[in-house]
Amino acid sequence: SGFTLNYYAIGWFRQAPGKEREGVSGISSGGLSTNYADSV
């Protein structure tokens, strides 16, 4: 109860067969900062 995304940074990751997990994108807890992998 009381949970809000404003307290959490959220990231998207991906993993293809035979490959290591890769960070794809993320958004900060305040929602003001984002980041992307060069590939996307």
PDB file of all heavy atoms in Angstrom:
ATOM      1  N   SER A   1       0.835  -1.188   0.000  1.00  0.00           N
ATOM      2  CA  SER A   1       0.000   0.000   0.000  1.00  0.00           C
ATOM      3  C   SER A   1       0.878   1.249   0.000  1.00  0.00           C
ATOM      4  O   SER A   1       1.861   1.322   0.722  1.00  0.00           O
ATOM      5  CB  SER A   1      -0.890  -0.010   1.257  1.00  0.00           C
ATOM      6  OG  SER A   1      -1.644   1.163   1.327  1.00  0.00           O
ATOM      7  N   GLY A   2       0.512   2.186  -0.863  1.00  0.00           N
ATOM      8  CA  GLY A   2       1.289   3.409  -0.971  1.00  0.00           C
ATOM      9  C   GLY A   2       2.392   3.354  -1.995  1.00  0.00           C
ATOM     10  O   GLY A   2       3.104   4.329  -2.216  1.00  0.00           O
ATOM     11  N   PHE A   3       2.510   2.206  -2.661  1.00  0.00           N
ATOM     12  CA  PHE A   3       3.557   2.063  -3.679  1.00  0.00           C
ATOM     13  C   PHE A   3       3.356   3.077  -4.792  1.00  0.00           C
ATOM     14  O   PHE A   3       2.253   3.315  -5.252  1.00  0.00           O
ATOM     15  CB  PHE A   3       3.521   0.649  -4.253  1.00  0.00           C
ATOM     16  CG  PHE A   3       4.264   0.528  -5.542  1.00  0.00           C
ATOM     17  CD1 PHE A   3       5.638   0.437  -5.533  1.00  0.00           C
ATOM     18  CD2 PHE A   3       3.598   0.543  -6.756  1.00  0.00           C
ATOM     19  CE1 PHE A   3       6.338   0.348  -6.717  1.00  0.00           C
ATOM     20  CE2 PHE A   3       4.287   0.454  -7.950  1.00  0.00           C
ATOM     21  CZ  PHE A   3       5.665   0.351  -7.930  1.00  0.00           C
ATOM     22  N   THR A   4       4.471   3.649  -5.257  1.00  0.00           N
ATOM     23  CA  THR A   4       4.440   4.547  -6.401  1.00  0.00           C
ATOM     24  C   THR A   4       5.720   4.380  -7.198  1.00  0.00           C
ATOM     25  O   THR A   4       6.799   4.149  -6.637  1.00  0.00           O
ATOM     26  CB  THR A   4       4.261   6.007  -5.966  1.00  0.00           C
ATOM     27  OG1 THR A   4       4.473   6.851  -7.110  1.00  0.00           O
ATOM     28  CG2 THR A   4       5.253   6.390  -4.895  1.00  0.00           C
ATOM     29  N   LEU A   5       5.591   4.534  -8.486  1.00  0.00           N
ATOM     30  CA  LEU A   5       6.768   4.466  -9.358  1.00  0.00           C
ATOM     31  C   LEU A   5       7.761   5.581  -9.058  1.00  0.00           C
ATOM     32  O   LEU A   5       8.923   5.494  -9.446  1.00  0.00           O
ATOM     33  CB  LEU A   5       6.352   4.539 -10.827  1.00  0.00           C
ATOM     34  CG  LEU A   5       5.758   3.279 -11.449  1.00  0.00           C
ATOM     35  CD1 LEU A   5       5.352   3.557 -12.891  1.00  0.00           C
ATOM     36  CD2 LEU A   5       6.733   2.115 -11.388  1.00  0.00           C
ATOM     37  N   ASN A   6       7.319   6.621  -8.392  1.00  0.00           N
ATOM     38  CA  ASN A   6       8.211   7.733  -8.090  1.00  0.00           C
ATOM     39  C   ASN A   6       9.354   7.333  -7.149  1.00  0.00           C
ATOM     40  O   ASN A   6      10.300   8.099  -6.972  1.00  0.00           O
ATOM     41  CB  ASN A   6       7.421   8.888  -7.481  1.00  0.00           C
ATOM     42  CG  ASN A   6       6.576   9.602  -8.505  1.00  0.00           C
ATOM     43  OD1 ASN A   6       6.965   9.739  -9.665  1.00  0.00           O
ATOM     44  ND2 ASN A   6       5.399  10.052  -8.099  1.00  0.00           N
ATOM     45  N   TYR A   7       9.249   6.157  -6.574  1.00  0.00           N
ATOM     46  CA  TYR A   7      10.303   5.687  -5.671  1.00  0.00           C
ATOM     47  C   TYR A   7      11.260   4.715  -6.353  1.00  0.00           C
ATOM     48  O   TYR A   7      12.225   4.269  -5.726  1.00  0.00           O
ATOM     49  CB  TYR A   7       9.696   4.984  -4.460  1.00  0.00           C
ATOM     50  CG  TYR A   7       8.864   5.862  -3.562  1.00  0.00           C
ATOM     51  CD1 TYR A   7       7.816   5.331  -2.800  1.00  0.00           C
ATOM     52  CD2 TYR A   7       9.090   7.221  -3.464  1.00  0.00           C
ATOM     53  CE1 TYR A   7       7.048   6.129  -1.981  1.00  0.00           C
ATOM     54  CE2 TYR A   7       8.323   8.027  -2.643  1.00  0.00           C
ATOM     55  CZ  TYR A   7       7.308   7.469  -1.902  1.00  0.00           C
ATOM     56  OH  TYR A   7       6.529   8.261  -1.084  1.00  0.00           O
ATOM     57  N   TYR A   8      10.990   4.388  -7.625  1.00  0.00           N
ATOM     58  CA  TYR A   8      11.765   3.336  -8.275  1.00  0.00           C
ATOM     59  C   TYR A   8      12.249   3.752  -9.662  1.00  0.00           C
ATOM     60  O   TYR A   8      11.501   4.304 -10.458  1.00  0.00           O
ATOM     61  CB  TYR A   8      10.919   2.065  -8.431  1.00  0.00           C
ATOM     62  CG  TYR A   8      10.604   1.396  -7.113  1.00  0.00           C
ATOM     63  CD1 TYR A   8       9.479   1.771  -6.398  1.00  0.00           C
ATOM     64  CD2 TYR A   8      11.436   0.425  -6.595  1.00  0.00           C
ATOM     65  CE1 TYR A   8       9.189   1.180  -5.181  1.00  0.00           C
ATOM     66  CE2 TYR A   8      11.151  -0.182  -5.371  1.00  0.00           C
ATOM     67  CZ  TYR A   8      10.032   0.215  -4.669  1.00  0.00           C
ATOM     68  OH  TYR A   8       9.748  -0.377  -3.472  1.00  0.00           O
ATOM     69  N   ALA A   9      13.502   3.452  -9.923  1.00  0.00           N
ATOM     70  CA  ALA A   9      13.994   3.493 -11.286  1.00  0.00           C
ATOM     71  C   ALA A   9      13.587   2.189 -11.961  1.00  0.00           C
ATOM     72  O   ALA A   9      13.621   1.114 -11.332  1.00  0.00           O
ATOM     73  CB  ALA A   9      15.513   3.636 -11.309  1.00  0.00           C
ATOM     74  N   ILE A  10      13.199   2.268 -13.224  1.00  0.00           N
ATOM     75  CA  ILE A  10      12.765   1.087 -13.963  1.00  0.00           C
ATOM     76  C   ILE A  10      13.640   0.924 -15.199  1.00  0.00           C
ATOM     77  O   ILE A  10      13.884   1.886 -15.930  1.00  0.00           O
ATOM     78  CB  ILE A  10      11.296   1.211 -14.401  1.00  0.00           C
ATOM     79  CG1 ILE A  10      10.384   1.437 -13.196  1.00  0.00           C
ATOM     80  CG2 ILE A  10      10.884  -0.049 -15.180  1.00  0.00           C
ATOM     81  CD1 ILE A  10      10.277   0.270 -12.232  1.00  0.00           C
ATOM     82  N   GLY A  11      14.072  -0.281 -15.417  1.00  0.00           N
ATOM     83  CA  GLY A  11      14.893  -0.567 -16.588  1.00  0.00           C
ATOM     84  C   GLY A  11      14.294  -1.683 -17.422  1.00  0.00           C
ATOM     85  O   GLY A  11      13.548  -2.520 -16.913  1.00  0.00           O
ATOM     86  N   TRP A  12      14.596  -1.648 -18.689  1.00  0.00           N
ATOM     87  CA  TRP A  12      14.257  -2.739 -19.615  1.00  0.00           C
ATOM     88  C   TRP A  12      15.558  -3.412 -20.043  1.00  0.00           C
ATOM     89  O   TRP A  12      16.504  -2.727 -20.446  1.00  0.00           O
ATOM     90  CB  TRP A  12      13.517  -2.228 -20.838  1.00  0.00           C
ATOM     91  CG  TRP A  12      12.076  -1.920 -20.617  1.00  0.00           C
ATOM     92  CD1 TRP A  12      11.518  -0.697 -20.396  1.00  0.00           C
ATOM     93  CD2 TRP A  12      10.994  -2.854 -20.609  1.00  0.00           C
ATOM     94  NE1 TRP A  12      10.157  -0.808 -20.249  1.00  0.00           N
ATOM     95  CE2 TRP A  12       9.810  -2.128 -20.381  1.00  0.00           C
ATOM     96  CE3 TRP A  12      10.903  -4.236 -20.785  1.00  0.00           C
ATOM     97  CZ2 TRP A  12       8.552  -2.729 -20.311  1.00  0.00           C
ATOM     98  CZ3 TRP A  12       9.654  -4.845 -20.727  1.00  0.00           C
ATOM     99  CH2 TRP A  12       8.510  -4.084 -20.482  1.00  0.00           C
ATOM    100  N   PHE A  13      15.563  -4.709 -19.982  1.00  0.00           N
ATOM    101  CA  PHE A  13      16.719  -5.504 -20.373  1.00  0.00           C
ATOM    102  C   PHE A  13      16.264  -6.589 -21.340  1.00  0.00           C
ATOM    103  O   PHE A  13      15.087  -6.899 -21.411  1.00  0.00           O
ATOM    104  CB  PHE A  13      17.366  -6.146 -19.128  1.00  0.00           C
ATOM    105  CG  PHE A  13      17.913  -5.140 -18.175  1.00  0.00           C
ATOM    106  CD1 PHE A  13      17.090  -4.467 -17.276  1.00  0.00           C
ATOM    107  CD2 PHE A  13      19.257  -4.817 -18.175  1.00  0.00           C
ATOM    108  CE1 PHE A  13      17.585  -3.507 -16.405  1.00  0.00           C
ATOM    109  CE2 PHE A  13      19.772  -3.862 -17.315  1.00  0.00           C
ATOM    110  CZ  PHE A  13      18.935  -3.216 -16.425  1.00  0.00           C
ATOM    111  N   ARG A  14      17.207  -7.158 -22.053  1.00  0.00           N
ATOM    112  CA  ARG A  14      16.862  -8.257 -22.949  1.00  0.00           C
ATOM    113  C   ARG A  14      17.985  -9.276 -22.961  1.00  0.00           C
ATOM    114  O   ARG A  14      19.139  -8.954 -22.697  1.00  0.00           O
ATOM    115  CB  ARG A  14      16.587  -7.744 -24.362  1.00  0.00           C
ATOM    116  CG  ARG A  14      17.792  -7.154 -25.089  1.00  0.00           C
ATOM    117  CD  ARG A  14      17.344  -6.564 -26.417  1.00  0.00           C
ATOM    118  NE  ARG A  14      18.469  -6.013 -27.176  1.00  0.00           N
ATOM    119  CZ  ARG A  14      18.335  -5.316 -28.306  1.00  0.00           C
ATOM    120  NH1 ARG A  14      17.119  -5.082 -28.807  1.00  0.00           N
ATOM    121  NH2 ARG A  14      19.407  -4.867 -28.922  1.00  0.00           N
ATOM    122  N   GLN A  15      17.602 -10.498 -23.270  1.00  0.00           N
ATOM    123  CA  GLN A  15      18.574 -11.566 -23.383  1.00  0.00           C
ATOM    124  C   GLN A  15      18.185 -12.472 -24.532  1.00  0.00           C
ATOM    125  O   GLN A  15      17.093 -13.059 -24.535  1.00  0.00           O
ATOM    126  CB  GLN A  15      18.687 -12.357 -22.088  1.00  0.00           C
ATOM    127  CG  GLN A  15      19.840 -13.349 -22.097  1.00  0.00           C
ATOM    128  CD  GLN A  15      20.181 -13.865 -20.712  1.00  0.00           C
ATOM    129  OE1 GLN A  15      19.363 -13.834 -19.800  1.00  0.00           O
ATOM    130  NE2 GLN A  15      21.404 -14.339 -20.547  1.00  0.00           N
ATOM    131  N   ALA A  16      19.082 -12.569 -25.492  1.00  0.00           N
ATOM    132  CA  ALA A  16      18.892 -13.453 -26.630  1.00  0.00           C
ATOM    133  C   ALA A  16      19.573 -14.790 -26.332  1.00  0.00           C
ATOM    134  O   ALA A  16      20.509 -14.843 -25.524  1.00  0.00           O
ATOM    135  CB  ALA A  16      19.471 -12.824 -27.887  1.00  0.00           C
ATOM    136  N   PRO A  17      19.153 -15.857 -26.976  1.00  0.00           N
ATOM    137  CA  PRO A  17      19.771 -17.169 -26.747  1.00  0.00           C
ATOM    138  C   PRO A  17      21.274 -17.125 -26.976  1.00  0.00           C
ATOM    139  O   PRO A  17      21.748 -16.617 -27.994  1.00  0.00           O
ATOM    140  CB  PRO A  17      19.073 -18.065 -27.773  1.00  0.00           C
ATOM    141  CG  PRO A  17      17.761 -17.419 -28.009  1.00  0.00           C
ATOM    142  CD  PRO A  17      18.025 -15.941 -27.915  1.00  0.00           C
ATOM    143  N   GLY A  18      22.023 -17.621 -26.015  1.00  0.00           N
ATOM    144  CA  GLY A  18      23.475 -17.685 -26.146  1.00  0.00           C
ATOM    145  C   GLY A  18      24.194 -16.372 -25.934  1.00  0.00           C
ATOM    146  O   GLY A  18      25.413 -16.300 -26.116  1.00  0.00           O
ATOM    147  N   LYS A  19      23.440 -15.337 -25.556  1.00  0.00           N
ATOM    148  CA  LYS A  19      24.059 -14.023 -25.348  1.00  0.00           C
ATOM    149  C   LYS A  19      23.853 -13.551 -23.918  1.00  0.00           C
ATOM    150  O   LYS A  19      22.948 -14.011 -23.218  1.00  0.00           O
ATOM    151  CB  LYS A  19      23.488 -13.007 -26.329  1.00  0.00           C
ATOM    152  CG  LYS A  19      23.826 -13.293 -27.783  1.00  0.00           C
ATOM    153  CD  LYS A  19      23.398 -12.147 -28.682  1.00  0.00           C
ATOM    154  CE  LYS A  19      23.811 -12.383 -30.115  1.00  0.00           C
ATOM    155  NZ  LYS A  19      23.418 -11.247 -31.000  1.00  0.00           N
ATOM    156  N   GLU A  20      24.678 -12.617 -23.503  1.00  0.00           N
ATOM    157  CA  GLU A  20      24.531 -12.040 -22.182  1.00  0.00           C
ATOM    158  C   GLU A  20      23.357 -11.066 -22.156  1.00  0.00           C
ATOM    159  O   GLU A  20      22.953 -10.518 -23.183  1.00  0.00           O
ATOM    160  CB  GLU A  20      25.818 -11.308 -21.782  1.00  0.00           C
ATOM    161  CG  GLU A  20      27.001 -12.237 -21.580  1.00  0.00           C
ATOM    162  CD  GLU A  20      28.208 -11.510 -21.011  1.00  0.00           C
ATOM    163  OE1 GLU A  20      28.137 -10.277 -20.868  1.00  0.00           O
ATOM    164  OE2 GLU A  20      29.203 -12.186 -20.705  1.00  0.00           O
ATOM    165  N   ARG A  21      22.841 -10.874 -20.958  1.00  0.00           N
ATOM    166  CA  ARG A  21      21.780  -9.885 -20.777  1.00  0.00           C
ATOM    167  C   ARG A  21      22.294  -8.495 -21.128  1.00  0.00           C
ATOM    168  O   ARG A  21      23.425  -8.142 -20.800  1.00  0.00           O
ATOM    169  CB  ARG A  21      21.303  -9.915 -19.326  1.00  0.00           C
ATOM    170  CG  ARG A  21      20.141  -9.003 -19.013  1.00  0.00           C
ATOM    171  CD  ARG A  21      19.749  -9.139 -17.558  1.00  0.00           C
ATOM    172  NE  ARG A  21      20.846  -8.730 -16.687  1.00  0.00           N
ATOM    173  CZ  ARG A  21      20.916  -9.033 -15.386  1.00  0.00           C
ATOM    174  NH1 ARG A  21      19.968  -9.769 -14.836  1.00  0.00           N
ATOM    175  NH2 ARG A  21      21.926  -8.628 -14.651  1.00  0.00           N
ATOM    176  N   GLU A  22      21.439  -7.723 -21.771  1.00  0.00           N
ATOM    177  CA  GLU A  22      21.816  -6.387 -22.239  1.00  0.00           C
ATOM    178  C   GLU A  22      20.825  -5.360 -21.718  1.00  0.00           C
ATOM    179  O   GLU A  22      19.611  -5.551 -21.802  1.00  0.00           O
ATOM    180  CB  GLU A  22      21.811  -6.369 -23.773  1.00  0.00           C
ATOM    181  CG  GLU A  22      22.028  -5.016 -24.399  1.00  0.00           C
ATOM    182  CD  GLU A  22      21.803  -5.007 -25.898  1.00  0.00           C
ATOM    183  OE1 GLU A  22      21.147  -5.922 -26.421  1.00  0.00           O
ATOM    184  OE2 GLU A  22      22.285  -4.074 -26.556  1.00  0.00           O
ATOM    185  N   GLY A  23      21.330  -4.262 -21.199  1.00  0.00           N
ATOM    186  CA  GLY A  23      20.476  -3.158 -20.817  1.00  0.00           C
ATOM    187  C   GLY A  23      19.981  -2.445 -22.053  1.00  0.00           C
ATOM    188  O   GLY A  23      20.782  -2.074 -22.914  1.00  0.00           O
ATOM    189  N   VAL A  24      18.683  -2.258 -22.162  1.00  0.00           N
ATOM    190  CA  VAL A  24      18.081  -1.643 -23.348  1.00  0.00           C
ATOM    191  C   VAL A  24      17.714  -0.189 -23.093  1.00  0.00           C
ATOM    192  O   VAL A  24      18.059   0.696 -23.878  1.00  0.00           O
ATOM    193  CB  VAL A  24      16.829  -2.431 -23.766  1.00  0.00           C
ATOM    194  CG1 VAL A  24      16.122  -1.746 -24.928  1.00  0.00           C
ATOM    195  CG2 VAL A  24      17.195  -3.860 -24.139  1.00  0.00           C
ATOM    196  N   SER A  25      17.016   0.053 -21.988  1.00  0.00           N
ATOM    197  CA  SER A  25      16.579   1.402 -21.676  1.00  0.00           C
ATOM    198  C   SER A  25      16.218   1.476 -20.201  1.00  0.00           C
ATOM    199  O   SER A  25      15.973   0.454 -19.550  1.00  0.00           O
ATOM    200  CB  SER A  25      15.370   1.782 -22.534  1.00  0.00           C
ATOM    201  OG  SER A  25      14.973   3.118 -22.276  1.00  0.00           O
ATOM    202  N   GLY A  26      16.188   2.698 -19.680  1.00  0.00           N
ATOM    203  CA  GLY A  26      15.805   2.883 -18.288  1.00  0.00           C
ATOM    204  C   GLY A  26      15.269   4.275 -18.069  1.00  0.00           C
ATOM    205  O   GLY A  26      15.543   5.197 -18.849  1.00  0.00           O
ATOM    206  N   ILE A  27      14.490   4.419 -16.996  1.00  0.00           N
ATOM    207  CA  ILE A  27      13.925   5.714 -16.641  1.00  0.00           C
ATOM    208  C   ILE A  27      14.094   5.895 -15.142  1.00  0.00           C
ATOM    209  O   ILE A  27      13.899   4.965 -14.348  1.00  0.00           O
ATOM    210  CB  ILE A  27      12.448   5.807 -17.078  1.00  0.00           C
ATOM    211  CG1 ILE A  27      11.894   7.212 -16.853  1.00  0.00           C
ATOM    212  CG2 ILE A  27      11.586   4.755 -16.386  1.00  0.00           C
ATOM    213  CD1 ILE A  27      10.569   7.463 -17.572  1.00  0.00           C
ATOM    214  N   SER A  28      14.486   7.081 -14.749  1.00  0.00           N
ATOM    215  CA  SER A  28      14.774   7.350 -13.345  1.00  0.00           C
ATOM    216  C   SER A  28      13.503   7.372 -12.508  1.00  0.00           C
ATOM    217  O   SER A  28      12.385   7.452 -13.021  1.00  0.00           O
ATOM    218  CB  SER A  28      15.501   8.683 -13.217  1.00  0.00           C
ATOM    219  OG  SER A  28      14.658   9.741 -13.643  1.00  0.00           O
ATOM    220  N   SER A  29      13.687   7.335 -11.200  1.00  0.00           N
ATOM    221  CA  SER A  29      12.551   7.323 -10.284  1.00  0.00           C
ATOM    222  C   SER A  29      11.712   8.590 -10.406  1.00  0.00           C
ATOM    223  O   SER A  29      10.491   8.552 -10.248  1.00  0.00           O
ATOM    224  CB  SER A  29      13.036   7.133  -8.850  1.00  0.00           C
ATOM    225  OG  SER A  29      14.085   8.033  -8.550  1.00  0.00           O
ATOM    226  N   GLY A  30      12.341   9.703 -10.704  1.00  0.00           N
ATOM    227  CA  GLY A  30      11.592  10.927 -10.898  1.00  0.00           C
ATOM    228  C   GLY A  30      11.022  11.078 -12.292  1.00  0.00           C
ATOM    229  O   GLY A  30      10.231  11.989 -12.549  1.00  0.00           O
ATOM    230  N   GLY A  31      11.422  10.192 -13.172  1.00  0.00           N
ATOM    231  CA  GLY A  31      10.914  10.223 -14.539  1.00  0.00           C
ATOM    232  C   GLY A  31      11.577  11.242 -15.434  1.00  0.00           C
ATOM    233  O   GLY A  31      11.208  11.389 -16.603  1.00  0.00           O
ATOM    234  N   LEU A  32      12.585  11.946 -14.925  1.00  0.00           N
ATOM    235  CA  LEU A  32      13.188  13.023 -15.709  1.00  0.00           C
ATOM    236  C   LEU A  32      14.383  12.569 -16.525  1.00  0.00           C
ATOM    237  O   LEU A  32      14.777  13.247 -17.476  1.00  0.00           O
ATOM    238  CB  LEU A  32      13.610  14.159 -14.772  1.00  0.00           C
ATOM    239  CG  LEU A  32      12.481  14.835 -14.004  1.00  0.00           C
ATOM    240  CD1 LEU A  32      13.046  15.936 -13.101  1.00  0.00           C
ATOM    241  CD2 LEU A  32      11.429  15.402 -14.947  1.00  0.00           C
ATOM    242  N   SER A  33      14.957  11.443 -16.155  1.00  0.00           N
ATOM    243  CA  SER A  33      16.144  10.959 -16.870  1.00  0.00           C
ATOM    244  C   SER A  33      15.853   9.620 -17.520  1.00  0.00           C
ATOM    245  O   SER A  33      15.226   8.746 -16.916  1.00  0.00           O
ATOM    246  CB  SER A  33      17.320  10.794 -15.895  1.00  0.00           C
ATOM    247  OG  SER A  33      17.703  12.041 -15.360  1.00  0.00           O
ATOM    248  N   THR A  34      16.313   9.488 -18.745  1.00  0.00           N
ATOM    249  CA  THR A  34      16.205   8.224 -19.461  1.00  0.00           C
ATOM    250  C   THR A  34      17.553   7.890 -20.094  1.00  0.00           C
ATOM    251  O   THR A  34      18.411   8.768 -20.268  1.00  0.00           O
ATOM    252  CB  THR A  34      15.134   8.269 -20.559  1.00  0.00           C
ATOM    253  OG1 THR A  34      15.470   9.300 -21.503  1.00  0.00           O
ATOM    254  CG2 THR A  34      13.754   8.554 -19.983  1.00  0.00           C
ATOM    255  N   ASN A  35      17.708   6.629 -20.441  1.00  0.00           N
ATOM    256  CA  ASN A  35      18.932   6.221 -21.110  1.00  0.00           C
ATOM    257  C   ASN A  35      18.604   5.070 -22.055  1.00  0.00           C
ATOM    258  O   ASN A  35      17.651   4.315 -21.816  1.00  0.00           O
ATOM    259  CB  ASN A  35      19.988   5.781 -20.089  1.00  0.00           C
ATOM    260  CG  ASN A  35      21.385   5.806 -20.669  1.00  0.00           C
ATOM    261  OD1 ASN A  35      21.585   6.242 -21.800  1.00  0.00           O
ATOM    262  ND2 ASN A  35      22.362   5.351 -19.901  1.00  0.00           N
ATOM    263  N   TYR A  36      19.374   4.958 -23.118  1.00  0.00           N
ATOM    264  CA  TYR A  36      19.143   3.921 -24.112  1.00  0.00           C
ATOM    265  C   TYR A  36      20.470   3.303 -24.541  1.00  0.00           C
ATOM    266  O   TYR A  36      21.498   3.995 -24.628  1.00  0.00           O
ATOM    267  CB  TYR A  36      18.476   4.516 -25.364  1.00  0.00           C
ATOM    268  CG  TYR A  36      17.113   5.102 -25.115  1.00  0.00           C
ATOM    269  CD1 TYR A  36      16.955   6.437 -24.768  1.00  0.00           C
ATOM    270  CD2 TYR A  36      15.970   4.307 -25.222  1.00  0.00           C
ATOM    271  CE1 TYR A  36      15.705   6.972 -24.528  1.00  0.00           C
ATOM    272  CE2 TYR A  36      14.713   4.835 -24.975  1.00  0.00           C
ATOM    273  CZ  TYR A  36      14.595   6.172 -24.630  1.00  0.00           C
ATOM    274  OH  TYR A  36      13.346   6.690 -24.397  1.00  0.00           O
ATOM    275  N   ALA A  37      20.434   2.033 -24.846  1.00  0.00           N
ATOM    276  CA  ALA A  37      21.588   1.396 -25.457  1.00  0.00           C
ATOM    277  C   ALA A  37      21.779   1.974 -26.856  1.00  0.00           C
ATOM    278  O   ALA A  37      20.818   2.339 -27.532  1.00  0.00           O
ATOM    279  CB  ALA A  37      21.366  -0.111 -25.541  1.00  0.00           C
ATOM    280  N   ASP A  38      23.019   2.048 -27.285  1.00  0.00           N
ATOM    281  CA  ASP A  38      23.303   2.596 -28.617  1.00  0.00           C
ATOM    282  C   ASP A  38      22.551   1.833 -29.704  1.00  0.00           C
ATOM    283  O   ASP A  38      22.137   2.417 -30.716  1.00  0.00           O
ATOM    284  CB  ASP A  38      24.801   2.543 -28.896  1.00  0.00           C
ATOM    285  CG  ASP A  38      25.581   3.554 -28.084  1.00  0.00           C
ATOM    286  OD1 ASP A  38      24.970   4.505 -27.558  1.00  0.00           O
ATOM    287  OD2 ASP A  38      26.811   3.396 -27.957  1.00  0.00           O
ATOM    288  N   SER A  39      22.369   0.546 -29.492  1.00  0.00           N
ATOM    289  CA  SER A  39      21.738  -0.294 -30.509  1.00  0.00           C
ATOM    290  C   SER A  39      20.260   0.012 -30.726  1.00  0.00           C
ATOM    291  O   SER A  39      19.690  -0.403 -31.738  1.00  0.00           O
ATOM    292  CB  SER A  39      21.905  -1.763 -30.143  1.00  0.00           C
ATOM    293  OG  SER A  39      21.342  -2.036 -28.872  1.00  0.00           O
ATOM    294  N   VAL A  40      19.639   0.741 -29.788  1.00  0.00           N
ATOM    295  CA  VAL A  40      18.206   1.011 -29.911  1.00  0.00           C
ATOM    296  C   VAL A  40      17.885   2.496 -29.965  1.00  0.00           C
ATOM    297  O   VAL A  40      16.720   2.873 -30.136  1.00  0.00           O
ATOM    298  CB  VAL A  40      17.400   0.349 -28.772  1.00  0.00           C
ATOM    299  CG1 VAL A  40      17.713  -1.139 -28.685  1.00  0.00           C
ATOM    300  CG2 VAL A  40      17.641   1.045 -27.441  1.00  0.00           C
TER     301      VAL A  40
END
